[in-house]
Amino acid sequence: MIEDNYDESKKIRLSVSKAKTYLSCAKQYNFNYVQRIPQKDQGHLTFGRFCHLALENFHIAYINKSTLSHGKQMQISFKSALENPEFLDKITPEMKSEAKTIMSQYIQFLRGETPNVLAVEDKFAQEVNDNRITVTMNGLIDRIDLDSDGIYHVKDYKTNKDSKYLKGDWFQLLTYAYVLLQKYPDIQQVRGSYVMLRNNFEHITQTFDKEEILTTKQKYLDYGYKIITETEHVPNPTVLRGWRPYLELCK
């Protein structure tokens, strides 16, 4: 039953990608999340999802106590990803070849050690609020490890070739750290890493203390309030505008 004072306009679901889209270009946010104009299929997104699924299958097997070697288990996990209906007609031979190389590099990266992976593709919906708005932080954490020093480690896979744009941008990892802190309120630190799949699994890593993690809540509340009170959706013309999927609609 909906309460009499319920106000839908003061509630918003906000993911990392939604927040970053709005901060980058309010017009693009409007096209994507308000008008819901379909985007053209982008090959790099398909490739990224495929690599995510192959790695997800691999680590789920070990969570479920697989005793196979890393090489054999990866063969099975890769084949299972290829057979997923989402990718049957979308993975090109070039994509398949590159993904195979990446998975082989991952086996070498592990050096025979199986990380203590607690969860993969961990879905969350964390509600935060103040007197202005209620925001539901939602998304998926690619991977949660427990490192040998006892620190929880959230990881996000990236298929970009250049890692420079990520250095110093911890918003996504802080979001995941905040969600983990709600589950384990006694922890004092969370480690976070962007994992560069196309750069031999380079880890861009930062360890966050509890005080820094807790500031994430206010960011979501502020971003959410800006979005629901937005009226103009002014475009942000930048040198990267040519990459935007809605460029032809933006005057």
Protein backbone atom coordinates (compact mmCIF):
# COMPACT_ATOMS: atom_id res chain seq x y z
CA MET A 1 0.00 0.00 0.00
CA ILE A 2 1.37 3.42 -1.01
CA GLU A 3 1.37 6.01 1.75
CA ASP A 4 -0.55 9.28 1.27
CA ASN A 5 2.63 11.37 1.45
CA TYR A 6 4.54 9.24 -1.07
CA ASP A 7 6.20 11.46 -3.67
CA GLU A 8 7.67 9.58 -6.65
CA SER A 9 9.42 12.74 -7.86
CA LYS A 10 11.67 12.64 -4.80
CA LYS A 11 12.92 9.10 -5.47
CA ILE A 12 15.50 8.02 -8.01
CA ARG A 13 17.48 4.90 -8.88
CA LEU A 14 21.05 5.91 -9.63
CA SER A 15 23.90 3.75 -10.89
CA VAL A 16 27.51 4.78 -11.37
CA SER A 17 27.01 5.00 -15.13
CA LYS A 18 23.87 7.13 -14.76
CA ALA A 19 25.58 9.55 -12.40
CA LYS A 20 28.68 9.83 -14.58
CA THR A 21 26.59 10.30 -17.72
CA TYR A 22 24.72 13.17 -16.10
CA LEU A 23 27.90 14.80 -14.83
CA SER A 24 29.46 14.46 -18.28
CA CYS A 25 26.46 15.69 -20.28
CA ALA A 26 22.96 16.38 -18.99
CA LYS A 27 21.57 16.19 -22.54
CA GLN A 28 22.95 12.71 -23.06
CA TYR A 29 21.44 11.68 -19.72
CA ASN A 30 18.08 12.98 -20.94
CA PHE A 31 18.30 11.08 -24.23
CA ASN A 32 19.35 7.85 -22.54
CA TYR A 33 17.48 7.68 -19.24
CA VAL A 34 14.53 10.06 -19.60
CA GLN A 35 13.49 9.78 -23.24
CA ARG A 36 14.98 6.26 -23.41
CA ILE A 37 16.01 6.63 -27.04
CA PRO A 38 17.57 3.31 -28.16
CA GLN A 39 21.29 3.33 -28.78
CA LYS A 40 22.99 1.60 -31.66
CA ASP A 41 24.70 -1.65 -30.71
CA GLN A 42 28.33 -0.89 -29.94
CA GLY A 43 30.81 -3.69 -30.51
CA HIS A 44 33.11 -2.72 -27.67
CA LEU A 45 30.25 -3.10 -25.19
CA THR A 46 29.44 -6.58 -26.51
CA PHE A 47 33.10 -7.54 -26.22
CA GLY A 48 33.25 -6.25 -22.67
CA ARG A 49 30.16 -8.20 -21.60
CA PHE A 50 31.56 -11.36 -23.17
CA CYS A 51 34.87 -11.07 -21.30
CA HIS A 52 32.98 -10.38 -18.07
CA LEU A 53 30.91 -13.55 -18.56
CA ALA A 54 33.92 -15.76 -19.30
CA LEU A 55 35.66 -14.54 -16.13
CA GLU A 56 32.43 -14.85 -14.14
CA ASN A 57 32.03 -18.48 -15.25
CA PHE A 58 35.66 -19.17 -14.35
CA HIS A 59 35.47 -17.84 -10.80
CA ILE A 60 32.02 -19.28 -10.08
CA ALA A 61 33.49 -22.70 -10.82
CA TYR A 62 36.13 -22.24 -8.11
CA ILE A 63 33.62 -20.74 -5.68
CA ASN A 64 31.79 -24.04 -6.24
CA LYS A 65 35.00 -25.96 -5.43
CA SER A 66 36.23 -26.86 -8.93
CA THR A 67 39.36 -29.02 -8.82
CA LEU A 68 40.30 -28.49 -12.46
CA SER A 69 43.48 -26.75 -13.53
CA HIS A 70 43.14 -23.09 -14.44
CA GLY A 71 43.73 -23.83 -18.12
CA LYS A 72 41.09 -26.55 -18.33
CA GLN A 73 38.57 -24.58 -16.31
CA MET A 74 39.07 -21.53 -18.52
CA GLN A 75 38.46 -23.61 -21.64
CA ILE A 76 35.12 -24.73 -20.22
CA SER A 77 34.20 -21.23 -19.01
CA PHE A 78 35.08 -19.65 -22.35
CA LYS A 79 33.06 -22.21 -24.32
CA SER A 80 30.08 -21.68 -22.02
CA ALA A 81 30.23 -17.91 -22.63
CA LEU A 82 30.36 -18.48 -26.40
CA GLU A 83 27.23 -20.60 -26.19
CA ASN A 84 25.28 -17.91 -24.33
CA PRO A 85 22.39 -16.76 -26.60
CA GLU A 86 23.36 -13.10 -26.09
CA PHE A 87 26.60 -13.63 -28.01
CA LEU A 88 25.77 -16.28 -30.62
CA ASP A 89 25.50 -13.81 -33.52
CA LYS A 90 27.47 -10.89 -32.08
CA ILE A 91 30.96 -12.16 -31.29
CA THR A 92 33.07 -11.70 -34.40
CA PRO A 93 36.10 -13.91 -35.14
CA GLU A 94 38.32 -10.95 -34.23
CA MET A 95 36.57 -10.53 -30.88
CA LYS A 96 36.82 -14.26 -30.17
CA SER A 97 40.53 -14.30 -30.95
CA GLU A 98 41.29 -11.29 -28.75
CA ALA A 99 39.16 -12.64 -25.89
CA LYS A 100 41.06 -15.95 -26.06
CA THR A 101 44.33 -14.06 -25.78
CA ILE A 102 43.06 -12.10 -22.79
CA MET A 103 41.92 -15.26 -21.00
CA SER A 104 45.30 -16.91 -21.66
CA GLN A 105 47.01 -13.86 -20.20
CA TYR A 106 44.79 -14.16 -17.13
CA ILE A 107 45.90 -17.75 -16.55
CA GLN A 108 49.52 -16.54 -16.71
CA PHE A 109 48.68 -13.64 -14.38
CA LEU A 110 47.36 -16.05 -11.74
CA ARG A 111 50.62 -18.06 -11.73
CA GLY A 112 48.83 -21.11 -10.42
CA GLU A 113 47.29 -19.31 -7.44
CA THR A 114 43.50 -19.27 -7.10
CA PRO A 115 42.35 -15.96 -5.54
CA ASN A 116 39.85 -16.03 -2.70
CA VAL A 117 36.88 -14.75 -4.68
CA LEU A 118 33.76 -14.36 -2.54
CA ALA A 119 31.31 -13.17 -5.19
CA VAL A 120 31.06 -12.22 -8.87
CA GLU A 121 28.51 -9.99 -10.61
CA ASP A 122 27.13 -9.14 -7.18
CA LYS A 123 23.91 -7.17 -7.65
CA PHE A 124 23.06 -4.42 -5.16
CA ALA A 125 20.32 -1.89 -4.45
CA GLN A 126 21.35 0.31 -1.51
CA GLU A 127 18.93 3.03 -0.40
CA VAL A 128 20.15 6.34 1.05
CA ASN A 129 18.12 9.43 1.85
CA ASP A 130 17.98 12.88 3.39
CA ASN A 131 15.23 15.50 3.72
CA ARG A 132 15.39 16.24 -0.02
CA ILE A 133 15.45 12.89 -1.76
CA THR A 134 15.69 9.11 -1.57
CA VAL A 135 18.31 7.56 -3.83
CA THR A 136 18.62 3.85 -4.52
CA MET A 137 22.22 3.14 -5.47
CA ASN A 138 22.08 0.18 -7.82
CA GLY A 139 24.44 -1.83 -9.97
CA LEU A 140 26.71 -4.88 -10.12
CA ILE A 141 30.10 -5.43 -8.54
CA ASP A 142 32.19 -7.46 -10.97
CA ARG A 143 34.10 -9.21 -8.23
CA ILE A 144 34.67 -9.23 -4.46
CA ASP A 145 37.83 -10.87 -3.08
CA LEU A 146 39.16 -11.35 0.41
CA ASP A 147 42.89 -10.63 0.18
CA SER A 148 45.54 -12.48 2.16
CA ASP A 149 45.90 -9.53 4.56
CA GLY A 150 42.22 -9.77 5.48
CA ILE A 151 41.08 -6.70 3.50
CA TYR A 152 38.00 -6.96 1.27
CA HIS A 153 38.86 -6.10 -2.32
CA VAL A 154 36.26 -4.91 -4.87
CA LYS A 155 37.28 -5.16 -8.52
CA ASP A 156 35.88 -3.76 -11.74
CA TYR A 157 36.98 -5.12 -15.11
CA LYS A 158 37.77 -2.57 -17.83
CA THR A 159 38.28 -3.32 -21.53
CA ASN A 160 39.60 0.15 -22.38
CA LYS A 161 43.13 0.13 -23.75
CA ASP A 162 44.23 3.31 -21.99
CA SER A 163 44.11 3.46 -18.20
CA LYS A 164 45.06 7.12 -17.84
CA TYR A 165 41.45 8.33 -17.64
CA LEU A 166 40.83 6.15 -14.58
CA LYS A 167 43.71 7.26 -12.42
CA GLY A 168 42.39 9.44 -9.63
CA ASP A 169 38.74 8.63 -10.45
CA TRP A 170 37.66 6.42 -7.58
CA PHE A 171 33.90 7.11 -7.66
CA GLN A 172 32.91 3.68 -8.97
CA LEU A 173 35.13 1.78 -6.54
CA LEU A 174 34.03 3.97 -3.63
CA THR A 175 30.43 3.14 -4.53
CA TYR A 176 31.20 -0.56 -4.30
CA ALA A 177 33.16 -0.04 -1.09
CA TYR A 178 30.17 1.80 0.43
CA VAL A 179 27.83 -1.07 -0.46
CA LEU A 180 30.27 -3.57 1.07
CA LEU A 181 30.54 -1.44 4.22
CA GLN A 182 26.77 -1.67 4.70
CA LYS A 183 27.07 -5.45 4.59
CA TYR A 184 30.10 -5.58 6.90
CA PRO A 185 29.82 -2.47 9.12
CA ASP A 186 32.81 -3.37 11.28
CA ILE A 187 35.41 -3.23 8.53
CA GLN A 188 37.74 -0.24 8.61
CA GLN A 189 39.17 -0.42 5.07
CA VAL A 190 38.19 -1.61 1.61
CA ARG A 191 40.61 -2.08 -1.27
CA GLY A 192 39.42 -1.29 -4.79
CA SER A 193 40.92 -1.99 -8.21
CA TYR A 194 40.18 -1.25 -11.83
CA VAL A 195 41.45 -4.31 -13.72
CA MET A 196 42.63 -3.55 -17.25
CA LEU A 197 41.85 -6.65 -19.31
CA ARG A 198 43.58 -5.36 -22.42
CA ASN A 199 46.71 -4.34 -20.55
CA ASN A 200 47.81 -7.70 -19.12
CA PHE A 201 45.49 -7.34 -16.12
CA GLU A 202 47.12 -4.20 -14.78
CA HIS A 203 45.50 -3.26 -11.46
CA ILE A 204 44.89 0.40 -10.67
CA THR A 205 44.45 0.07 -6.94
CA GLN A 206 43.55 2.26 -3.98
CA THR A 207 42.73 1.37 -0.38
CA PHE A 208 39.95 3.46 1.16
CA ASP A 209 39.41 4.06 4.86
CA LYS A 210 35.98 4.05 6.42
CA GLU A 211 35.70 7.84 6.66
CA GLU A 212 36.35 8.31 2.95
CA ILE A 213 33.95 5.52 2.01
CA LEU A 214 31.12 7.10 3.99
CA THR A 215 31.38 10.35 1.98
CA THR A 216 29.96 8.42 -1.00
CA LYS A 217 26.46 8.62 0.45
CA GLN A 218 26.40 12.42 0.24
CA LYS A 219 27.64 12.36 -3.33
CA TYR A 220 24.72 10.19 -4.40
CA LEU A 221 22.24 12.38 -2.58
CA ASP A 222 23.65 15.53 -4.19
CA TYR A 223 23.80 13.99 -7.67
CA GLY A 224 20.29 12.59 -7.32
CA TYR A 225 18.90 15.94 -6.22
CA LYS A 226 20.56 17.72 -9.14
CA ILE A 227 19.07 15.23 -11.56
CA ILE A 228 15.49 15.38 -10.31
CA THR A 229 15.55 19.18 -10.25
CA GLU A 230 17.16 19.45 -13.70
CA THR A 231 14.99 21.33 -16.21
CA GLU A 232 17.29 22.43 -19.04
CA HIS A 233 19.45 19.36 -19.82
CA VAL A 234 22.06 21.55 -21.45
CA PRO A 235 24.52 19.62 -23.68
CA ASN A 236 28.21 19.66 -22.86
CA PRO A 237 30.15 20.18 -26.11
CA THR A 238 33.57 18.60 -25.58
CA VAL A 239 36.29 17.25 -27.81
CA LEU A 240 34.88 13.78 -27.16
CA ARG A 241 31.42 14.59 -28.49
CA GLY A 242 32.06 12.52 -31.63
CA TRP A 243 31.96 9.35 -29.54
CA ARG A 244 28.53 10.05 -28.17
CA PRO A 245 25.76 7.74 -29.43
CA TYR A 246 23.21 10.57 -29.63
CA LEU A 247 25.35 13.10 -31.49
CA GLU A 248 23.05 13.15 -34.53
CA LEU A 249 20.13 14.17 -32.28
CA CYS A 250 22.01 16.96 -30.53
CA LYS A 251 21.91 20.34 -32.28
